[in-house]
Protein backbone atom coordinates (compact mmCIF):
# COMPACT_ATOMS: atom_id res chain seq x y z
CA MET A 1 86.87 102.06 67.55
CA ALA A 2 83.50 101.11 69.02
CA LEU A 3 84.84 101.51 72.55
CA THR A 4 86.28 104.89 71.60
CA LEU A 5 82.90 106.05 70.30
CA ALA A 6 81.24 104.79 73.48
CA ALA A 7 83.88 106.36 75.72
CA PRO A 8 81.90 109.56 76.47
CA ALA A 9 78.93 107.50 77.62
CA ILE A 10 81.17 105.25 79.68
CA LEU A 11 82.85 108.25 81.30
CA LEU A 12 79.49 109.86 82.01
CA MET A 13 78.24 106.63 83.56
CA ALA A 14 81.38 106.33 85.70
CA ALA A 15 80.93 109.93 86.91
CA LEU A 16 77.27 109.25 87.67
CA VAL A 17 78.13 106.10 89.63
CA ALA A 18 80.81 107.94 91.60
CA MET A 19 78.48 110.85 92.40
CA GLN A 20 75.61 108.53 93.33
CA TYR A 21 77.88 106.41 95.51
CA SER A 22 79.18 109.51 97.29
CA GLU A 23 75.65 110.78 97.89
CA GLY A 24 74.49 107.35 99.08
CA GLU A 25 77.44 107.09 101.44
CA GLN A 26 76.71 110.58 102.77
CA ARG A 27 73.08 109.60 103.42
CA PHE A 28 74.21 106.52 105.29
CA ALA A 29 76.75 108.60 107.25
CA THR A 30 74.04 111.06 108.33
CA GLN A 31 71.78 108.17 109.34
CA LEU A 32 74.55 106.46 111.28
CA THR A 33 75.39 109.65 113.16
CA ALA A 34 71.75 110.14 114.15
CA MET A 35 71.43 106.52 115.28
CA THR A 36 74.62 106.57 117.36
CA ARG A 37 73.38 109.75 119.05
CA ALA A 38 70.06 108.08 119.78
CA LEU A 39 71.82 105.02 121.20
CA SER A 40 73.97 107.32 123.32
CA LEU A 41 70.88 109.10 124.72
CA ALA A 42 69.13 105.80 125.47
CA THR A 43 72.19 104.46 127.29
CA ASP A 44 72.66 107.71 129.20
CA ARG A 45 69.03 107.46 130.33
CA GLN A 46 69.62 103.95 131.61
CA ILE A 47 72.80 105.05 133.35
CA GLY A 48 70.91 108.03 134.78
CA GLN A 49 68.30 105.71 136.27
CA GLY A 50 71.01 103.80 138.10
CA GLN A 51 72.58 107.02 139.30
CA SER A 52 69.17 108.25 140.52
CA ILE A 53 68.74 105.06 142.54
CA LEU A 54 72.17 105.62 144.08
CA GLN A 55 71.25 109.24 144.81
CA GLY A 56 68.08 108.19 146.60
CA LEU A 57 69.78 105.46 148.62
CA SER A 58 72.70 107.68 149.57
CA VAL A 59 70.43 109.98 151.63
CA SER A 60 68.79 107.12 153.54
CA PRO A 61 68.82 107.82 157.35
CA ALA A 62 69.28 104.08 157.97
CA LEU A 63 72.51 104.20 155.96
CA ALA A 64 73.81 107.25 157.79
CA GLN A 65 73.00 105.69 161.21
CA GLY A 66 74.60 102.35 160.24
CA ASP A 67 71.32 100.39 160.36
CA LEU A 68 72.50 98.05 157.62
CA VAL A 69 69.63 95.58 158.04
CA THR A 70 67.05 98.26 157.29
CA PHE A 71 69.18 99.77 154.55
CA GLU A 72 69.65 96.38 152.85
CA LYS A 73 65.87 96.01 152.64
CA GLN A 74 65.63 99.47 151.11
CA ALA A 75 68.35 98.60 148.58
CA GLN A 76 66.67 95.34 147.60
CA GLU A 77 63.40 97.17 147.08
CA ALA A 78 65.15 99.83 144.95
CA VAL A 79 66.53 97.29 142.44
CA LYS A 80 63.56 94.97 142.47
CA GLY A 81 62.68 93.91 138.91
CA ARG A 82 65.95 95.26 137.50
CA ASP A 83 68.97 93.42 136.15
CA ALA A 84 71.16 95.16 138.76
CA TRP A 85 72.20 94.94 142.39
CA ILE A 86 73.50 97.23 145.17
CA VAL A 87 76.86 96.89 146.94
CA LEU A 88 77.99 98.80 150.03
CA MET A 89 81.71 98.51 150.65
CA SER A 90 84.65 99.92 152.49
CA GLN A 91 88.18 99.65 151.24
CA ASP A 92 88.76 96.28 152.88
CA ARG A 93 85.41 94.48 152.49
CA GLN A 94 81.81 94.44 151.30
CA TRP A 95 79.07 95.07 153.87
CA ILE A 96 75.96 94.64 151.72
CA ASN A 97 75.48 92.79 148.41
CA THR A 98 71.82 92.51 147.39
CA ARG A 99 72.63 89.75 144.89
CA MET A 100 73.59 87.42 147.73
CA PRO A 101 71.00 85.48 149.73
CA PRO A 102 69.79 87.16 152.96
CA GLY A 103 72.11 86.43 155.85
CA ALA A 104 75.05 85.48 153.61
CA THR A 105 78.39 87.07 154.50
CA PRO A 106 79.72 89.36 151.74
CA PRO A 107 83.29 88.65 150.64
CA VAL A 108 86.31 90.24 152.29
CA MET A 109 88.34 92.00 149.64
CA ARG A 110 90.67 94.99 149.74
CA LEU A 111 90.49 97.57 146.96
CA PRO A 112 93.75 99.09 145.65
CA ASP A 113 94.43 102.61 146.93
CA ARG A 114 94.15 104.12 143.45
CA ASP A 115 90.72 102.53 142.80
CA TRP A 116 89.52 103.57 146.26
CA ALA A 117 90.64 107.16 145.61
CA ASP A 118 88.74 107.27 142.31
CA MET A 119 85.59 105.82 143.89
CA THR A 120 85.62 108.30 146.79
CA SER A 121 86.39 111.38 144.70
CA GLY A 122 83.09 113.03 145.61
CA ARG A 123 80.99 112.32 142.50
CA THR A 124 79.00 109.48 141.02
CA THR A 125 81.24 107.71 138.48
CA VAL A 126 80.61 105.20 135.71
CA SER A 127 83.26 102.50 135.50
CA ASP A 128 84.75 100.82 132.44
CA LEU A 129 84.08 97.13 131.87
CA ILE A 130 85.35 95.31 134.98
CA GLU A 131 86.77 91.87 134.28
CA ARG A 132 86.41 89.38 137.16
CA PRO A 133 88.06 86.01 137.80
CA ALA A 134 86.27 82.99 136.30
CA PRO A 135 83.56 81.88 136.64
CA LEU A 136 82.36 85.41 137.46
CA SER A 137 81.25 87.42 134.43
CA PRO A 138 82.31 91.04 133.72
CA ILE A 139 80.28 93.89 135.24
CA VAL A 140 79.76 97.65 134.99
CA ALA A 141 79.53 99.76 138.20
CA PHE A 142 78.20 103.23 139.12
CA ASP A 143 79.89 104.33 142.38
CA ARG A 144 79.00 107.07 144.88
CA PRO A 145 80.85 107.90 148.14
CA VAL A 146 78.66 107.88 151.32
CA LEU A 147 79.15 108.24 155.08
CA VAL A 148 78.14 105.43 157.43
CA ARG A 149 78.41 106.49 161.09
CA GLY A 150 80.87 109.13 159.96
CA LYS A 151 83.11 106.68 158.09
CA LEU A 152 83.68 106.85 154.33
CA HIS A 153 82.10 104.04 152.31
CA VAL A 154 81.20 103.52 148.66
CA LEU A 155 77.72 102.73 147.47
CA GLY A 156 77.74 100.88 144.12
CA TYR A 157 75.03 100.17 141.54
CA ILE A 158 76.19 97.09 139.61
CA GLN A 159 74.87 95.97 136.23
CA SER A 160 75.67 93.13 133.88
CA PRO A 161 76.67 94.04 130.28
CA SER A 162 73.63 92.05 129.15
CA ALA A 163 71.45 94.97 130.33
CA PHE A 164 73.06 97.22 127.72
CA HIS A 165 72.83 94.47 125.09
CA ALA A 166 69.08 94.36 125.67
CA LEU A 167 68.99 98.14 125.28
CA MET A 168 70.64 97.89 121.83
CA THR A 169 68.42 95.14 120.55
CA ALA A 170 65.42 97.27 121.54
CA GLN A 171 66.54 99.96 119.07
CA GLY A 172 65.47 97.78 116.11
CA PHE A 173 68.69 97.86 114.08
CA PRO A 174 68.73 95.79 110.84
CA ASP A 175 70.12 92.29 111.40
CA THR A 176 73.03 92.93 109.03
CA TRP A 177 74.17 96.02 110.96
CA THR A 178 76.48 95.84 113.97
CA ALA A 179 76.02 98.12 117.01
CA SER A 180 78.53 98.25 119.84
CA ILE A 181 79.16 100.11 123.09
CA VAL A 182 82.79 100.49 124.16
CA ASP A 183 84.16 102.00 127.38
CA ARG A 184 86.81 104.68 127.78
CA ASN A 185 89.54 102.14 126.97
CA GLY A 186 87.88 101.01 123.74
CA VAL A 187 86.78 97.68 125.28
CA VAL A 188 83.46 96.23 124.10
CA VAL A 189 80.81 96.49 126.83
CA ALA A 190 77.87 95.37 124.68
CA ARG A 191 77.36 94.31 121.08
CA SER A 192 74.22 93.64 119.06
CA ARG A 193 75.75 90.49 117.50
CA ASP A 194 77.92 87.79 119.14
CA GLN A 195 77.67 89.48 122.55
CA GLU A 196 79.37 86.70 124.53
CA LYS A 197 82.13 86.17 121.94
CA MET A 198 83.08 89.84 121.56
CA LEU A 199 82.60 91.00 125.18
CA GLY A 200 85.85 92.40 126.56
CA ARG A 201 87.64 92.67 123.18
CA HIS A 202 89.10 95.95 121.97
CA ALA A 203 87.58 97.83 119.05
CA SER A 204 89.54 97.73 115.77
CA HIS A 205 92.76 99.72 115.60
CA ASP A 206 91.61 102.24 113.01
CA LEU A 207 88.40 102.89 114.93
CA ARG A 208 90.30 103.50 118.18
CA GLN A 209 92.58 105.94 116.36
CA ALA A 210 89.53 107.82 115.02
CA MET A 211 87.93 107.93 118.50
CA ALA A 212 91.18 109.35 119.91
CA ARG A 213 91.01 112.26 117.43
CA THR A 214 87.34 113.27 117.75
CA ASN A 215 84.16 112.59 119.71
CA GLU A 216 82.03 111.87 116.63
CA GLY A 217 82.66 110.74 113.06
CA VAL A 218 82.13 108.30 110.19
CA LEU A 219 84.88 106.20 108.57
CA HIS A 220 85.56 103.10 106.52
CA SER A 221 86.48 100.35 108.95
CA GLN A 222 85.72 96.69 109.62
CA THR A 223 84.06 94.75 112.41
CA LEU A 224 85.94 92.50 114.80
CA ASP A 225 84.84 89.51 112.71
CA GLY A 226 86.37 91.06 109.56
CA ILE A 227 83.32 92.53 107.75
CA PRO A 228 84.16 95.80 105.90
CA THR A 229 81.76 98.52 107.06
CA LEU A 230 80.88 102.17 106.90
CA THR A 231 81.06 102.96 110.63
CA GLY A 232 79.69 105.88 112.63
CA PHE A 233 80.51 106.62 116.28
CA THR A 234 79.51 109.12 118.99
CA ARG A 235 81.08 109.58 122.45
CA SER A 236 78.78 110.38 125.37
CA GLN A 237 79.75 113.48 127.34
CA GLN A 238 78.13 111.97 130.45
CA SER A 239 79.60 108.45 130.62
CA HIS A 240 82.46 109.00 128.12
CA TRP A 241 81.54 105.68 126.54
CA THR A 242 81.47 105.50 122.74
CA PHE A 243 78.53 104.16 120.71
CA ILE A 244 79.32 102.57 117.36
CA ILE A 245 77.11 101.41 114.47
CA GLY A 246 78.50 99.81 111.30
CA VAL A 247 76.65 99.03 108.08
CA PRO A 248 78.28 96.48 105.71
CA ARG A 249 79.80 98.14 102.67
CA THR A 250 78.30 95.42 100.47
CA GLU A 251 74.86 96.57 101.56
CA LEU A 252 75.80 100.18 100.81
CA ASN A 253 77.11 99.20 97.37
CA ARG A 254 74.03 97.11 96.64
CA THR A 255 71.70 99.98 97.54
CA VAL A 256 73.57 102.45 95.31
CA LEU A 257 73.92 100.09 92.37
CA TYR A 258 70.25 99.11 92.57
CA SER A 259 69.30 102.76 92.08
CA LEU A 260 71.62 102.93 89.05
CA GLY A 261 70.39 99.67 87.52
CA PRO A 262 68.45 101.03 84.51
CA ALA A 263 71.18 103.46 83.52
CA MET A 264 73.86 100.77 83.77
CA VAL A 265 71.80 98.32 81.68
CA GLY A 266 71.40 100.97 78.99
CA ALA A 267 75.12 101.73 78.96
CA ALA A 268 75.97 98.02 78.77
CA LEU A 269 73.55 97.56 75.85
CA MET A 270 75.13 100.49 74.00
CA ILE A 271 78.63 99.09 74.50
CA ALA A 272 77.51 95.59 73.40
CA LEU A 273 76.02 96.97 70.16
CA GLY A 274 79.21 98.89 69.46
CA VAL A 275 81.36 95.81 70.02
CA MET A 276 79.17 93.71 67.72
CA ALA A 277 79.46 96.30 64.96
CA ALA A 278 83.22 96.49 65.47
CA LEU A 279 83.52 92.69 65.20
CA ALA A 280 81.57 92.69 61.95
CA PHE A 281 83.94 95.23 60.41
CA ALA A 282 87.07 93.76 61.99
CA ARG A 283 86.70 90.17 60.75
CA PRO A 284 88.07 90.78 57.19
CA ILE A 285 90.91 92.88 58.60
CA SER A 286 91.69 90.18 61.16
CA ASP A 287 91.79 87.45 58.48
CA ASP A 288 94.22 89.54 56.41
CA VAL A 289 96.49 90.11 59.41
CA ARG A 290 96.46 86.41 60.38
CA GLY A 291 97.45 85.49 56.82
CA LEU A 292 100.27 88.01 57.05
CA VAL A 293 101.43 86.39 60.30
CA ARG A 294 101.51 82.94 58.68
CA GLU A 295 103.58 84.30 55.80
CA ALA A 296 106.02 85.93 58.23
CA GLU A 297 106.39 82.60 60.10
CA ALA A 298 107.01 80.80 56.80
CA LEU A 299 109.67 83.39 55.93
CA ALA A 300 111.37 82.81 59.31
CA ALA A 301 111.29 79.02 58.75
CA GLY A 302 112.74 79.33 55.24
CA ALA A 303 109.63 77.91 53.57
CA PRO A 304 108.43 79.27 50.21
CA LEU A 305 105.83 82.02 50.40
CA ASP A 306 102.35 81.60 48.96
CA PRO A 307 100.76 85.05 49.40
CA ALA A 308 96.97 85.25 49.62
CA PRO A 309 94.95 88.08 48.03
CA SER A 310 94.72 91.21 50.18
CA TYR A 311 91.60 93.23 50.89
CA LEU A 312 93.54 96.20 52.22
CA GLN A 313 96.20 98.21 50.41
CA GLU A 314 98.41 98.39 53.50
CA ILE A 315 98.41 94.59 53.90
CA ALA A 316 99.27 94.19 50.19
CA GLU A 317 102.25 96.51 50.60
CA VAL A 318 103.51 94.51 53.57
CA ARG A 319 103.14 91.27 51.57
CA GLY A 320 105.19 92.78 48.77
CA SER A 321 107.93 93.69 51.25
CA LEU A 322 107.90 90.12 52.61
CA MET A 323 108.32 88.71 49.13
CA ALA A 324 111.27 91.02 48.46
CA ALA A 325 112.82 90.06 51.81
CA ASP A 326 112.38 86.36 50.98
CA GLU A 327 114.25 86.77 47.67
CA GLU A 328 117.03 88.72 49.37
CA LEU A 329 117.43 86.14 52.17
CA ARG A 330 117.61 83.25 49.71
CA ALA A 331 120.30 85.06 47.74
CA ARG A 332 122.32 85.66 50.90
CA GLU A 333 121.93 82.04 52.01
CA ASN A 334 123.33 80.86 48.67
CA GLU A 335 126.29 83.21 49.00
CA ALA A 336 126.95 82.12 52.58
CA ARG A 337 126.81 78.43 51.63
CA GLU A 338 129.23 78.90 48.77
CA ALA A 339 131.58 80.91 51.01
CA ALA A 340 131.47 78.19 53.69
CA GLU A 341 132.27 75.51 51.13
CA ARG A 342 135.24 77.52 49.87
CA GLN A 343 136.43 78.13 53.43
CA GLN A 344 136.21 74.44 54.34
CA LEU A 345 138.15 73.54 51.21
CA MET A 346 140.89 75.99 52.14
CA ILE A 347 141.02 74.71 55.74
CA ASN A 348 141.30 71.11 54.64
CA GLU A 349 144.05 72.04 52.21
CA LEU A 350 145.89 73.97 54.94
CA ASN A 351 145.55 71.02 57.34
CA HIS A 352 146.95 68.69 54.72
CA ARG A 353 149.87 71.00 54.08
CA VAL A 354 150.64 71.39 57.80
CA LYS A 355 150.65 67.62 58.32
CA ASN A 356 152.90 67.19 55.35
CA THR A 357 155.21 69.82 56.78
CA LEU A 358 155.24 68.06 60.15
CA ALA A 359 156.01 64.75 58.44
CA ILE A 360 158.96 66.36 56.75
CA VAL A 361 160.13 67.82 60.08
CA GLN A 362 159.75 64.39 61.68
CA SER A 363 161.79 62.75 58.96
CA LEU A 364 164.52 65.36 59.25
CA ALA A 365 164.55 64.96 63.04
CA ARG A 366 164.86 61.22 62.76
CA HIS A 367 167.94 61.59 60.60
CA SER A 368 169.44 64.52 62.49
CA LEU A 369 168.94 62.94 65.95
CA ARG A 370 169.95 59.43 65.00
CA GLU A 371 173.28 59.83 66.63
CA GLY A 372 171.68 61.19 69.82
CA GLY A 373 170.13 57.87 70.68
CA GLU A 374 166.62 56.44 70.67
CA THR A 375 165.61 58.35 73.79
CA GLY A 376 166.18 61.70 72.19
CA LEU A 377 164.31 60.61 69.08
CA THR A 378 161.30 59.44 71.12
CA GLN A 379 161.13 62.73 72.96
CA PHE A 380 161.28 64.67 69.73
CA ASN A 381 158.57 62.51 68.14
CA ASP A 382 156.30 63.00 71.13
CA ARG A 383 156.69 66.76 70.91
CA ILE A 384 155.89 66.72 67.23
CA HIS A 385 152.78 64.60 68.01
CA ALA A 386 151.58 67.07 70.68
CA LEU A 387 152.02 69.87 68.17
CA ALA A 388 149.99 67.98 65.59
CA SER A 389 147.21 67.28 68.13
CA ALA A 390 146.96 70.98 68.86
CA HIS A 391 146.76 71.70 65.13
CA ASP A 392 143.98 69.11 64.76
CA LEU A 393 141.96 70.76 67.54
CA LEU A 394 142.38 74.17 65.92
CA THR A 395 141.43 72.79 62.56
CA ARG A 396 138.16 71.44 63.97
CA ARG A 397 137.50 74.98 65.20
CA ASN A 398 138.41 76.48 61.80
CA TRP A 399 141.46 78.06 63.42
CA GLU A 400 139.25 80.42 65.41
CA GLY A 401 140.70 79.31 68.75
CA ALA A 402 140.21 76.47 71.23
CA ASP A 403 138.81 75.93 74.74
CA LEU A 404 141.37 75.22 77.47
CA GLY A 405 139.40 72.22 78.78
CA ASP A 406 139.26 70.58 75.33
CA LEU A 407 142.97 71.28 74.85
CA LEU A 408 143.86 69.58 78.16
CA LYS A 409 141.69 66.55 77.42
CA GLY A 410 143.54 66.02 74.15
CA ALA A 411 147.03 66.66 75.54
CA LEU A 412 146.53 64.41 78.61
CA ARG A 413 144.43 61.67 77.02
CA PRO A 414 147.13 58.96 77.58
CA TYR A 415 146.87 59.63 81.33
CA GLU A 416 143.13 60.42 81.62
CA SER A 417 142.55 57.77 84.34
CA GLN A 418 144.99 59.61 86.63
CA VAL A 419 144.12 63.19 85.72
CA ASP A 420 141.39 65.46 87.19
CA LEU A 421 140.37 68.59 85.26
CA GLU A 422 138.36 71.44 86.77
CA GLY A 423 137.68 74.94 85.53
CA PRO A 424 135.28 77.20 83.63
CA ASP A 425 135.10 77.76 79.89
CA ALA A 426 138.32 79.56 78.88
CA PRO A 427 138.65 80.40 75.16
CA LEU A 428 142.24 80.60 73.81
CA ALA A 429 143.66 82.22 70.72
CA PRO A 430 145.33 79.79 68.24
CA ASN A 431 148.92 80.74 69.15
CA ALA A 432 148.15 80.47 72.87
CA ALA A 433 146.54 77.04 72.35
CA VAL A 434 149.62 75.68 70.54
CA ALA A 435 151.98 77.04 73.20
CA LEU A 436 149.95 75.62 76.09
CA ALA A 437 149.69 72.22 74.34
CA MET A 438 153.49 72.01 74.25
CA ILE A 439 153.79 73.15 77.89
CA PHE A 440 151.37 70.52 79.21
CA HIS A 441 152.99 67.87 77.08
CA GLU A 442 156.31 68.65 78.77
CA LEU A 443 154.71 68.63 82.25
CA ALA A 444 153.01 65.28 81.56
CA THR A 445 156.22 63.77 80.17
CA ASN A 446 158.19 64.79 83.27
CA ALA A 447 155.41 63.48 85.54
CA SER A 448 155.41 60.14 83.73
CA LYS A 449 159.17 59.82 84.24
CA TYR A 450 159.76 61.27 87.68
CA GLY A 451 156.45 62.38 89.17
CA ALA A 452 152.91 61.30 90.00
CA LEU A 453 152.22 59.66 86.62
CA SER A 454 155.16 57.29 87.08
CA VAL A 455 153.16 55.18 89.58
CA GLU A 456 149.60 53.82 89.40
CA THR A 457 148.52 55.50 92.65
CA GLY A 458 149.64 58.96 91.54
CA ARG A 459 147.15 61.70 90.63
CA VAL A 460 147.49 64.95 88.72
CA GLY A 461 144.97 67.75 89.21
CA VAL A 462 144.75 70.58 86.70
CA SER A 463 142.54 73.53 87.63
CA TRP A 464 142.16 76.95 86.13
CA LYS A 465 140.28 80.14 86.88
CA LEU A 466 139.73 83.54 85.33
CA GLU A 467 140.75 86.58 87.36
CA GLY A 468 139.10 89.62 85.88
CA ARG A 469 139.33 89.96 82.12
CA THR A 470 143.13 89.94 81.74
CA ARG A 471 144.42 87.00 83.81
CA LEU A 472 144.13 83.24 83.44
CA VAL A 473 145.70 81.20 86.26
CA VAL A 474 146.34 77.47 85.62
CA THR A 475 147.52 75.18 88.45
CA TRP A 476 149.25 71.81 87.81
CA ARG A 477 149.35 69.79 91.07
CA GLU A 478 150.88 66.29 91.43
CA ARG A 479 150.10 64.05 94.41
CA GLY A 480 150.70 60.41 95.32
CA GLY A 481 153.95 59.98 93.38
CA PRO A 482 157.61 59.92 94.41
CA PRO A 483 158.82 62.90 96.47
CA ALA A 484 159.56 65.89 94.25
CA ARG A 485 163.08 67.20 94.12
CA THR A 486 164.34 70.51 92.88
CA PRO A 487 166.32 69.88 89.66
CA THR A 488 170.02 70.68 89.81
CA ARG A 489 170.02 71.99 86.23
CA GLY A 490 167.40 73.21 83.81
CA GLY A 491 166.49 70.76 81.06
CA PHE A 492 165.05 71.39 77.61
CA GLY A 493 161.47 71.04 78.91
CA THR A 494 161.96 73.80 81.49
CA ARG A 495 163.49 76.07 78.89
CA LEU A 496 160.58 75.29 76.49
CA ILE A 497 158.01 76.25 79.13
CA ALA A 498 159.81 79.47 80.00
CA ALA A 499 160.28 80.43 76.34
CA SER A 500 156.62 79.75 75.48
CA LEU A 501 155.38 81.81 78.41
CA ARG A 502 157.60 84.74 77.55
CA GLY A 503 156.98 84.65 73.83
CA ASP A 504 153.45 83.53 72.98
CA LEU A 505 151.64 83.93 76.29
CA ALA A 506 153.32 86.91 78.00
CA GLY A 507 153.03 85.07 81.33
CA THR A 508 154.99 83.51 84.17
CA ALA A 509 155.45 80.07 85.77
CA ASP A 510 156.03 79.26 89.45
CA PHE A 511 157.36 75.78 90.37
CA ASP A 512 157.02 74.36 93.90
CA TYR A 513 158.95 71.11 94.39
CA ALA A 514 157.30 70.11 97.67
CA PRO A 515 157.93 66.57 98.99
CA GLU A 516 154.30 65.55 98.37
CA GLY A 517 154.53 66.49 94.70
CA LEU A 518 155.26 69.21 92.14
CA THR A 519 152.94 72.22 91.92
CA CYS A 520 153.24 74.49 88.90
CA VAL A 521 151.21 77.72 88.64
CA LEU A 522 151.01 79.34 85.20
CA THR A 523 149.81 82.94 85.05
CA LEU A 524 148.92 84.39 81.64
CA LEU A 525 149.00 88.15 81.91
CA ALA A 526 147.63 88.78 78.41
CA PRO A 527 143.92 88.09 77.62
CA PRO A 528 143.41 84.42 76.70
CA ARG A 529 141.70 85.34 73.44
CA GLY A 530 144.29 87.61 71.91
CA ALA A 531 145.51 88.27 68.41
CA ALA A 532 146.52 85.14 66.51
């Protein structure tokens, strides 16, 4: 509420800051433009001095007559006291180099045809930064074509980039600002800071893009050493070099914010007073809400509620609702507990009755199969036991179904040291669980008599997977036992498997009696969790 009341003042302050920042940035932009123009004029004057020296030397009679000894003296006198030197060259060699000791032979070097054509184009030109092999440092050259005894030569006025660096430092820029001169290719010729480190590097990408669009402008950029700046630039129409000055944006921000200091302090004081008043009013409300939270947590944990007095009508209404909800939940818990007790009683009674029924069936089978021999009786008893195990598993699950993995562990427990089970969770309906328990009992019985479980080295692998939402594929694979043989007639176990698949599971079975062992693939076409 306090912040809402102070919102108009905050918005006004934000608008004032934005307007002041824009005006401050505009003032800096105007100043930067003027300074880059001044730097451009100063550099053009220095370049003009070099071009004037070339102009004066180019009309020397000694040069035209080929008196190079006299002309060299004139050239040395022309650059005396300057950080520059004169070079007279043809395309294949230098004839005069005033930087070399008197009598020294200038180097023999052939200029590429393209460079020679540019240098002899008929006008005095200013070069870009010329990189030279180490240990020679880069240079800048002003070239003018001349005739020596009727042959075309080039007269050059050579300067080191340090001459332009000295020109920039003489402008008196603040130490935190960065001034640079770049050639037509955007390569740094001189820089007010870190001259040696930055010489020959390209200007930043965004600055080069801006220089390609216009001859003069101001933009947000950053220096080559990563300092964000407000940068102004101007391109000289004479040399076509570009002159750049950048002021750190932190300095710009500091200048603007310093002018807004009193207003910002007042706004902060107003907001602080509003927050303090809000806290004073909010403390009782906050205590009420925290108490309400504790009561809600106690309700979730099932603990008895001990409601505290409420200072607000709305909080009291919520506490009343919590009390009503607590009474309702306790009533429902009592009903659910009683229902669960009744259900467990019924399940236990049903389990008891089923076991009694199975005992009766077992007794009847013992008497009815007595004449069939002990083998038949044992087989029948084992089947009845598998059926009872399945019923036990379902009883533990309250007859809500069973997991295929749990079912297999129970059915194959006598052979667990020779059996490998692998597959995801696969819930089964009760009728499907009983049917599959009988099927795997028959497969295990046959394997213990004729297959892999009849020898200690035999192994049985049972794997299953879900294909979509309507297919469960179970694979029974025997290895390491006697060679499998296709039966000549179908026994009771085979008929039991086929009948169970057709009736309860709506599936199919594929048997592969390969020599290395039986493989049986069961495919249940109906969903595993179907109607009981």
